C-alpha atoms as a PDB file:
ATOM      1  CA  MET A   1      -0.051  -0.060   0.023  1.00  0.00           C
ATOM      2  CA  LYS A   2       1.350   3.386  -0.870  1.00  0.00           C
ATOM      3  CA  ARG A   3       0.883   4.645   2.638  1.00  0.00           C
ATOM      4  CA  GLU A   4      -1.592   4.246   5.458  1.00  0.00           C
ATOM      5  CA  LEU A   5      -5.092   5.456   4.496  1.00  0.00           C
ATOM      6  CA  ALA A   6      -5.861   6.747   8.037  1.00  0.00           C
ATOM      7  CA  GLY A   7      -2.689   8.899   8.081  1.00  0.00           C
ATOM      8  CA  ILE A   8      -0.660  10.211  10.972  1.00  0.00           C
ATOM      9  CA  GLY A   9       0.503  13.703  12.130  1.00  0.00           C
ATOM     10  CA  MET A  10      -0.287  16.108   9.234  1.00  0.00           C
ATOM     11  CA  THR A  11      -2.197  13.442   7.425  1.00  0.00           C
ATOM     12  CA  SER A  12      -4.235  12.279  10.381  1.00  0.00           C
ATOM     13  CA  PRO A  13      -8.051  12.343  10.661  1.00  0.00           C
ATOM     14  CA  ARG A  14      -7.709  15.274  12.929  1.00  0.00           C
ATOM     15  CA  THR A  15      -6.029  17.258  10.185  1.00  0.00           C
ATOM     16  CA  ARG A  16      -8.618  16.282   7.666  1.00  0.00           C
ATOM     17  CA  ALA A  17     -11.312  17.370  10.054  1.00  0.00           C
ATOM     18  CA  ARG A  18      -9.769  20.813  10.270  1.00  0.00           C
ATOM     19  CA  MET A  19      -9.864  21.041   6.389  1.00  0.00           C
ATOM     20  CA  ILE A  20     -13.707  20.375   6.609  1.00  0.00           C
ATOM     21  CA  GLU A  21     -14.053  22.978   9.208  1.00  0.00           C
ATOM     22  CA  ARG A  22     -12.225  25.457   6.986  1.00  0.00           C
ATOM     23  CA  LEU A  23     -14.459  24.554   4.021  1.00  0.00           C
ATOM     24  CA  ARG A  24     -17.488  25.240   6.118  1.00  0.00           C
ATOM     25  CA  ALA A  25     -16.024  28.451   7.314  1.00  0.00           C
ATOM     26  CA  ASP A  26     -15.200  29.555   3.693  1.00  0.00           C
ATOM     27  CA  GLY A  27     -18.877  28.982   2.670  1.00  0.00           C
ATOM     28  CA  ILE A  28     -19.379  25.362   1.678  1.00  0.00           C
ATOM     29  CA  ARG A  29     -22.913  24.718   3.088  1.00  0.00           C
ATOM     30  CA  ASP A  30     -23.814  21.233   1.646  1.00  0.00           C
ATOM     31  CA  GLU A  31     -23.224  18.693   4.368  1.00  0.00           C
ATOM     32  CA  ARG A  32     -23.227  15.907   1.893  1.00  0.00           C
ATOM     33  CA  VAL A  33     -20.203  17.514   0.024  1.00  0.00           C
ATOM     34  CA  LEU A  34     -18.462  18.084   3.262  1.00  0.00           C
ATOM     35  CA  ALA A  35     -19.018  14.422   4.320  1.00  0.00           C
ATOM     36  CA  ALA A  36     -17.651  13.241   0.779  1.00  0.00           C
ATOM     37  CA  MET A  37     -14.540  15.471   1.293  1.00  0.00           C
ATOM     38  CA  ALA A  38     -14.059  14.040   4.796  1.00  0.00           C
ATOM     39  CA  ALA A  39     -14.479  10.451   3.395  1.00  0.00           C
ATOM     40  CA  VAL A  40     -11.507  10.663   1.052  1.00  0.00           C
ATOM     41  CA  PRO A  41      -7.856  10.660   2.286  1.00  0.00           C
ATOM     42  CA  ARG A  42      -6.319  13.366   0.108  1.00  0.00           C
ATOM     43  CA  HIS A  43      -2.822  12.536   1.257  1.00  0.00           C
ATOM     44  CA  ILE A  44      -2.774   9.338  -0.762  1.00  0.00           C
ATOM     45  CA  PHE A  45      -3.293  11.229  -3.912  1.00  0.00           C
ATOM     46  CA  VAL A  46      -0.260  13.653  -3.720  1.00  0.00           C
ATOM     47  CA  GLU A  47       3.429  12.726  -3.864  1.00  0.00           C
ATOM     48  CA  GLU A  48       4.967  11.342  -0.765  1.00  0.00           C
ATOM     49  CA  ALA A  49       7.169  14.472  -0.240  1.00  0.00           C
ATOM     50  CA  LEU A  50       3.967  16.613  -0.224  1.00  0.00           C
ATOM     51  CA  ALA A  51       1.855  14.456   1.999  1.00  0.00           C
ATOM     52  CA  SER A  52       2.258  16.945   4.904  1.00  0.00           C
ATOM     53  CA  ARG A  53       0.583  19.619   2.855  1.00  0.00           C
ATOM     54  CA  ALA A  54      -2.255  17.455   1.499  1.00  0.00           C
ATOM     55  CA  TYR A  55      -4.922  19.169   3.592  1.00  0.00           C
ATOM     56  CA  GLU A  56      -3.867  22.687   3.009  1.00  0.00           C
ATOM     57  CA  ASP A  57      -6.330  24.678   0.840  1.00  0.00           C
ATOM     58  CA  THR A  58      -4.054  24.790  -2.107  1.00  0.00           C
ATOM     59  CA  ALA A  59      -3.298  23.107  -5.395  1.00  0.00           C
ATOM     60  CA  LEU A  60      -0.361  20.812  -5.484  1.00  0.00           C
ATOM     61  CA  PRO A  61       1.738  19.480  -8.323  1.00  0.00           C
ATOM     62  CA  ILE A  62       1.182  15.810  -9.247  1.00  0.00           C
ATOM     63  CA  GLY A  63       3.658  15.666 -12.146  1.00  0.00           C
ATOM     64  CA  LEU A  64       3.444  16.150 -15.994  1.00  0.00           C
ATOM     65  CA  LYS A  65       2.677  19.847 -15.491  1.00  0.00           C
ATOM     66  CA  GLN A  66      -0.721  18.962 -13.778  1.00  0.00           C
ATOM     67  CA  THR A  67      -2.065  19.731 -10.359  1.00  0.00           C
ATOM     68  CA  ILE A  68      -4.481  18.321  -7.759  1.00  0.00           C
ATOM     69  CA  SER A  69      -7.127  21.117  -7.276  1.00  0.00           C
ATOM     70  CA  GLN A  70      -7.469  22.886  -4.012  1.00  0.00           C
ATOM     71  CA  PRO A  71     -10.039  21.349  -1.689  1.00  0.00           C
ATOM     72  CA  PHE A  72     -12.245  24.492  -1.774  1.00  0.00           C
ATOM     73  CA  ILE A  73     -12.652  24.407  -5.615  1.00  0.00           C
ATOM     74  CA  VAL A  74     -13.398  20.653  -5.519  1.00  0.00           C
ATOM     75  CA  ALA A  75     -16.091  21.188  -2.928  1.00  0.00           C
ATOM     76  CA  ARG A  76     -17.490  24.308  -4.564  1.00  0.00           C
ATOM     77  CA  MET A  77     -17.820  22.626  -8.022  1.00  0.00           C
ATOM     78  CA  ILE A  78     -19.414  19.620  -6.615  1.00  0.00           C
ATOM     79  CA  GLU A  79     -21.826  21.688  -4.423  1.00  0.00           C
ATOM     80  CA  LEU A  80     -23.004  23.596  -7.535  1.00  0.00           C
ATOM     81  CA  LEU A  81     -23.635  20.403  -9.314  1.00  0.00           C
ATOM     82  CA  ALA A  82     -25.502  18.886  -6.421  1.00  0.00           C
ATOM     83  CA  ALA A  83     -27.682  21.889  -5.453  1.00  0.00           C
ATOM     84  CA  GLY A  84     -31.436  20.856  -5.020  1.00  0.00           C
ATOM     85  CA  ARG A  85     -30.610  17.225  -6.132  1.00  0.00           C
ATOM     86  CA  GLU A  86     -30.825  13.960  -4.096  1.00  0.00           C
ATOM     87  CA  HIS A  87     -27.641  12.861  -5.712  1.00  0.00           C
ATOM     88  CA  LEU A  88     -25.374  13.358  -8.827  1.00  0.00           C
ATOM     89  CA  GLY A  89     -26.652  10.442 -10.724  1.00  0.00           C
ATOM     90  CA  LYS A  90     -24.336   9.260 -13.594  1.00  0.00           C
ATOM     91  CA  THR A  91     -21.332  11.642 -13.660  1.00  0.00           C
ATOM     92  CA  LEU A  92     -18.634  12.339 -16.176  1.00  0.00           C
ATOM     93  CA  GLU A  93     -15.362  13.810 -15.080  1.00  0.00           C
ATOM     94  CA  ILE A  94     -13.034  15.371 -17.600  1.00  0.00           C
ATOM     95  CA  GLY A  95      -9.482  15.406 -16.322  1.00  0.00           C
ATOM     96  CA  ALA A  96      -9.156  12.511 -13.779  1.00  0.00           C
ATOM     97  CA  GLY A  97      -5.616  13.627 -12.847  1.00  0.00           C
ATOM     98  CA  CYS A  98      -4.513  11.720  -9.846  1.00  0.00           C
ATOM     99  CA  GLY A  99      -7.964  10.436  -9.095  1.00  0.00           C
ATOM    100  CA  TYR A 100      -8.889  12.510  -6.001  1.00  0.00           C
ATOM    101  CA  GLN A 101     -11.935  14.366  -7.476  1.00  0.00           C
ATOM    102  CA  ALA A 102     -13.225  11.046  -8.847  1.00  0.00           C
ATOM    103  CA  ALA A 103     -13.035   9.527  -5.358  1.00  0.00           C
ATOM    104  CA  VAL A 104     -14.968  12.520  -3.886  1.00  0.00           C
ATOM    105  CA  LEU A 105     -17.582  12.326  -6.704  1.00  0.00           C
ATOM    106  CA  ALA A 106     -17.942   8.596  -6.032  1.00  0.00           C
ATOM    107  CA  GLN A 107     -19.388   9.392  -2.540  1.00  0.00           C
ATOM    108  CA  MET A 108     -22.381  11.258  -4.034  1.00  0.00           C
ATOM    109  CA  ALA A 109     -22.835   9.761  -7.589  1.00  0.00           C
ATOM    110  CA  LYS A 110     -24.256   6.518  -8.811  1.00  0.00           C
ATOM    111  CA  ASP A 111     -21.498   6.073 -11.365  1.00  0.00           C
ATOM    112  CA  VAL A 112     -18.440   8.098 -12.148  1.00  0.00           C
ATOM    113  CA  TYR A 113     -16.778   7.957 -15.562  1.00  0.00           C
ATOM    114  CA  ALA A 114     -13.417   9.633 -15.209  1.00  0.00           C
ATOM    115  CA  ILE A 115     -11.450  10.513 -18.448  1.00  0.00           C
ATOM    116  CA  GLU A 116      -7.782  11.393 -18.601  1.00  0.00           C
ATOM    117  CA  ARG A 117      -5.752  12.164 -21.769  1.00  0.00           C
ATOM    118  CA  LEU A 118      -2.260  11.396 -20.222  1.00  0.00           C
ATOM    119  CA  ALA A 119      -1.727   7.644 -19.852  1.00  0.00           C
ATOM    120  CA  GLN A 120       1.071   8.141 -17.239  1.00  0.00           C
ATOM    121  CA  LEU A 121      -1.360  10.163 -15.067  1.00  0.00           C
ATOM    122  CA  LEU A 122      -4.185   7.767 -15.573  1.00  0.00           C
ATOM    123  CA  ASP A 123      -1.906   4.962 -14.229  1.00  0.00           C
ATOM    124  CA  LYS A 124      -1.283   7.064 -11.025  1.00  0.00           C
ATOM    125  CA  ALA A 125      -4.978   7.631 -10.648  1.00  0.00           C
ATOM    126  CA  ARG A 126      -5.654   3.947 -11.152  1.00  0.00           C
ATOM    127  CA  ALA A 127      -3.049   2.940  -8.489  1.00  0.00           C
ATOM    128  CA  ASN A 128      -4.340   5.630  -6.114  1.00  0.00           C
ATOM    129  CA  LEU A 129      -7.968   4.671  -6.334  1.00  0.00           C
ATOM    130  CA  ARG A 130      -7.145   0.975  -5.929  1.00  0.00           C
ATOM    131  CA  HIS A 131      -6.586   1.577  -2.329  1.00  0.00           C
ATOM    132  CA  LEU A 132     -10.135   2.710  -1.788  1.00  0.00           C
ATOM    133  CA  ARG A 133     -11.887  -0.036  -3.766  1.00  0.00           C
ATOM    134  CA  LEU A 134     -14.587   2.168  -5.195  1.00  0.00           C
ATOM    135  CA  PRO A 135     -16.944  -0.004  -7.508  1.00  0.00           C
ATOM    136  CA  ASN A 136     -18.634   2.888  -9.061  1.00  0.00           C
ATOM    137  CA  VAL A 137     -15.557   4.562 -10.620  1.00  0.00           C
ATOM    138  CA  ARG A 138     -14.467   3.801 -14.189  1.00  0.00           C
ATOM    139  CA  LEU A 139     -11.388   5.244 -15.645  1.00  0.00           C
ATOM    140  CA  LYS A 140     -10.832   5.891 -19.409  1.00  0.00           C
ATOM    141  CA  HIS A 141      -7.726   6.959 -21.415  1.00  0.00           C
ATOM    142  CA  ALA A 142      -9.416   9.287 -23.999  1.00  0.00           C
ATOM    143  CA  ASP A 143      -9.662  12.797 -25.198  1.00  0.00           C
ATOM    144  CA  GLY A 144     -11.884  14.645 -22.622  1.00  0.00           C
ATOM    145  CA  SER A 145     -12.998  17.253 -25.108  1.00  0.00           C
ATOM    146  CA  LEU A 146     -14.787  14.534 -26.907  1.00  0.00           C
ATOM    147  CA  GLY A 147     -16.518  13.276 -23.722  1.00  0.00           C
ATOM    148  CA  LEU A 148     -17.624   9.485 -23.587  1.00  0.00           C
ATOM    149  CA  ALA A 149     -20.381   8.965 -26.098  1.00  0.00           C
ATOM    150  CA  GLU A 150     -20.724   5.212 -25.374  1.00  0.00           C
ATOM    151  CA  ALA A 151     -21.838   6.045 -21.617  1.00  0.00           C
ATOM    152  CA  ALA A 152     -23.934   9.059 -22.368  1.00  0.00           C
ATOM    153  CA  PRO A 153     -26.206  10.774 -21.485  1.00  0.00           C
ATOM    154  CA  PHE A 154     -24.750  12.038 -18.143  1.00  0.00           C
ATOM    155  CA  ASP A 155     -26.773  13.567 -15.361  1.00  0.00           C
ATOM    156  CA  THR A 156     -23.701  15.737 -14.327  1.00  0.00           C
ATOM    157  CA  ILE A 157     -20.471  16.560 -16.017  1.00  0.00           C
ATOM    158  CA  ILE A 158     -17.516  18.283 -14.373  1.00  0.00           C
ATOM    159  CA  LEU A 159     -14.265  19.556 -16.039  1.00  0.00           C
ATOM    160  CA  ALA A 160     -10.929  19.794 -14.132  1.00  0.00           C
ATOM    161  CA  ALA A 161      -9.383  21.835 -16.996  1.00  0.00           C
ATOM    162  CA  ALA A 162     -10.270  25.181 -18.503  1.00  0.00           C
ATOM    163  CA  ALA A 163     -11.989  25.245 -21.882  1.00  0.00           C
ATOM    164  CA  ALA A 164     -11.753  28.305 -24.253  1.00  0.00           C
ATOM    165  CA  ARG A 165     -15.266  27.537 -25.161  1.00  0.00           C
ATOM    166  CA  VAL A 166     -17.980  24.919 -24.099  1.00  0.00           C
ATOM    167  CA  PRO A 167     -17.069  21.593 -26.026  1.00  0.00           C
ATOM    168  CA  GLN A 168     -19.986  20.945 -28.261  1.00  0.00           C
ATOM    169  CA  ALA A 169     -19.555  17.050 -27.600  1.00  0.00           C
ATOM    170  CA  LEU A 170     -20.136  17.508 -23.888  1.00  0.00           C
ATOM    171  CA  LEU A 171     -23.351  19.517 -24.520  1.00  0.00           C
ATOM    172  CA  GLY A 172     -24.682  16.743 -26.532  1.00  0.00           C
ATOM    173  CA  GLN A 173     -23.807  14.207 -23.889  1.00  0.00           C
ATOM    174  CA  LEU A 174     -25.556  16.154 -20.984  1.00  0.00           C
ATOM    175  CA  ALA A 175     -29.016  14.780 -20.100  1.00  0.00           C
ATOM    176  CA  VAL A 176     -32.078  16.812 -20.043  1.00  0.00           C
ATOM    177  CA  GLY A 177     -32.277  18.014 -16.553  1.00  0.00           C
ATOM    178  CA  GLY A 178     -28.569  17.768 -16.259  1.00  0.00           C
ATOM    179  CA  ARG A 179     -25.752  20.139 -15.161  1.00  0.00           C
ATOM    180  CA  MET A 180     -22.272  20.806 -16.305  1.00  0.00           C
ATOM    181  CA  ILE A 181     -19.667  22.812 -14.323  1.00  0.00           C
ATOM    182  CA  LEU A 182     -16.402  23.871 -15.935  1.00  0.00           C
ATOM    183  CA  PRO A 183     -13.775  26.599 -15.719  1.00  0.00           C
ATOM    184  CA  LEU A 184     -14.324  28.598 -18.951  1.00  0.00           C
ATOM    185  CA  GLY A 185     -11.754  31.082 -20.634  1.00  0.00           C
ATOM    186  CA  GLY A 186      -8.168  31.629 -21.318  1.00  0.00           C
ATOM    187  CA  GLU A 187      -6.168  34.122 -19.323  1.00  0.00           C
ATOM    188  CA  ASP A 188      -9.360  35.189 -17.460  1.00  0.00           C
ATOM    189  CA  GLN A 189     -11.162  32.169 -16.309  1.00  0.00           C
ATOM    190  CA  ALA A 190     -14.420  31.802 -14.479  1.00  0.00           C
ATOM    191  CA  LEU A 191     -16.579  28.917 -13.300  1.00  0.00           C
ATOM    192  CA  CYS A 192     -19.516  28.307 -15.688  1.00  0.00           C
ATOM    193  CA  LEU A 193     -22.683  26.396 -14.650  1.00  0.00           C
ATOM    194  CA  ILE A 194     -24.592  25.047 -17.680  1.00  0.00           C
ATOM    195  CA  GLU A 195     -27.986  23.562 -17.135  1.00  0.00           C
ATOM    196  CA  ARG A 196     -29.986  21.677 -19.786  1.00  0.00           C
ATOM    197  CA  SER A 197     -33.854  21.775 -19.797  1.00  0.00           C
ATOM    198  CA  ALA A 198     -36.267  20.532 -22.593  1.00  0.00           C
ATOM    199  CA  ARG A 199     -36.207  24.087 -23.989  1.00  0.00           C
ATOM    200  CA  GLY A 200     -32.328  24.159 -24.346  1.00  0.00           C
ATOM    201  CA  PHE A 201     -29.191  25.365 -22.304  1.00  0.00           C
ATOM    202  CA  SER A 202     -28.699  28.091 -19.832  1.00  0.00           C
ATOM    203  CA  GLU A 203     -25.423  29.447 -18.634  1.00  0.00           C
ATOM    204  CA  THR A 204     -24.443  31.087 -15.379  1.00  0.00           C
ATOM    205  CA  ARG A 205     -21.002  32.755 -14.848  1.00  0.00           C
ATOM    206  CA  LEU A 206     -19.685  32.443 -11.350  1.00  0.00           C
ATOM    207  CA  GLU A 207     -16.390  33.281  -9.577  1.00  0.00           C
ATOM    208  CA  SER A 208     -12.945  33.556 -11.165  1.00  0.00           C
ATOM    209  CA  VAL A 209     -10.711  30.516 -11.000  1.00  0.00           C
ATOM    210  CA  ARG A 210      -7.290  29.377 -12.334  1.00  0.00           C
ATOM    211  CA  PHE A 211      -6.978  25.927 -14.056  1.00  0.00           C
ATOM    212  CA  VAL A 212      -4.679  24.158 -16.514  1.00  0.00           C
ATOM    213  CA  PRO A 213      -6.091  24.268 -20.050  1.00  0.00           C
ATOM    214  CA  LEU A 214      -8.186  21.652 -21.573  1.00  0.00           C
ATOM    215  CA  LEU A 215      -6.067  20.068 -24.343  1.00  0.00           C
ATOM    216  CA  ALA A 216      -7.238  17.711 -27.162  1.00  0.00           C
ATOM    217  CA  GLY A 217      -5.701  14.470 -28.040  1.00  0.00           C
ATOM    218  CA  VAL A 218      -4.144  11.713 -25.997  1.00  0.00           C
ATOM    219  CA  GLU A 219      -0.526  11.061 -24.744  1.00  0.00           C
END
């Protein structure tokens, strides 16, 4: 095993609990989201040398010029997807990275399909998630901008990389009544919540964020 799931010292349950209290103080109100964040040991998803910083509210490098998102952003995006819903339903994640957000989503979704374009990073995610034995997470090496047509439609879609414009393929794979949350923009990025009704799509721009760009293709 990569390291103890429970953690000790700066990776202990007490440290994780402090992260949850900080998220609550910073405005995360959905207790289901807070419980999901509390259930996932973030320290097993970061490099061993950075484990002591795993529960800080900051993004951390995971290799290949990628990062694990800061806890507040993960919680905020999931809270927006979950608002007014009993659960997330069938969820598509674009940008699996090290697997952390997929693990959090798995606490609230029926099924999670997580796409990663970098094979080396997907191997890391698979190894990390193996420790948690989550039966409802499926990983796929693919171009996230194209979505996952064979598993569509999705009740919720979440992107962990910033798109210059909303990928048309993802709009087409969003179920009627579904929601998609993504960072949108180039230099100036903002969270964008897209909702699909029988009449079409609505878009709500939210707070400014900073994500790595969404890239096409696979490596």
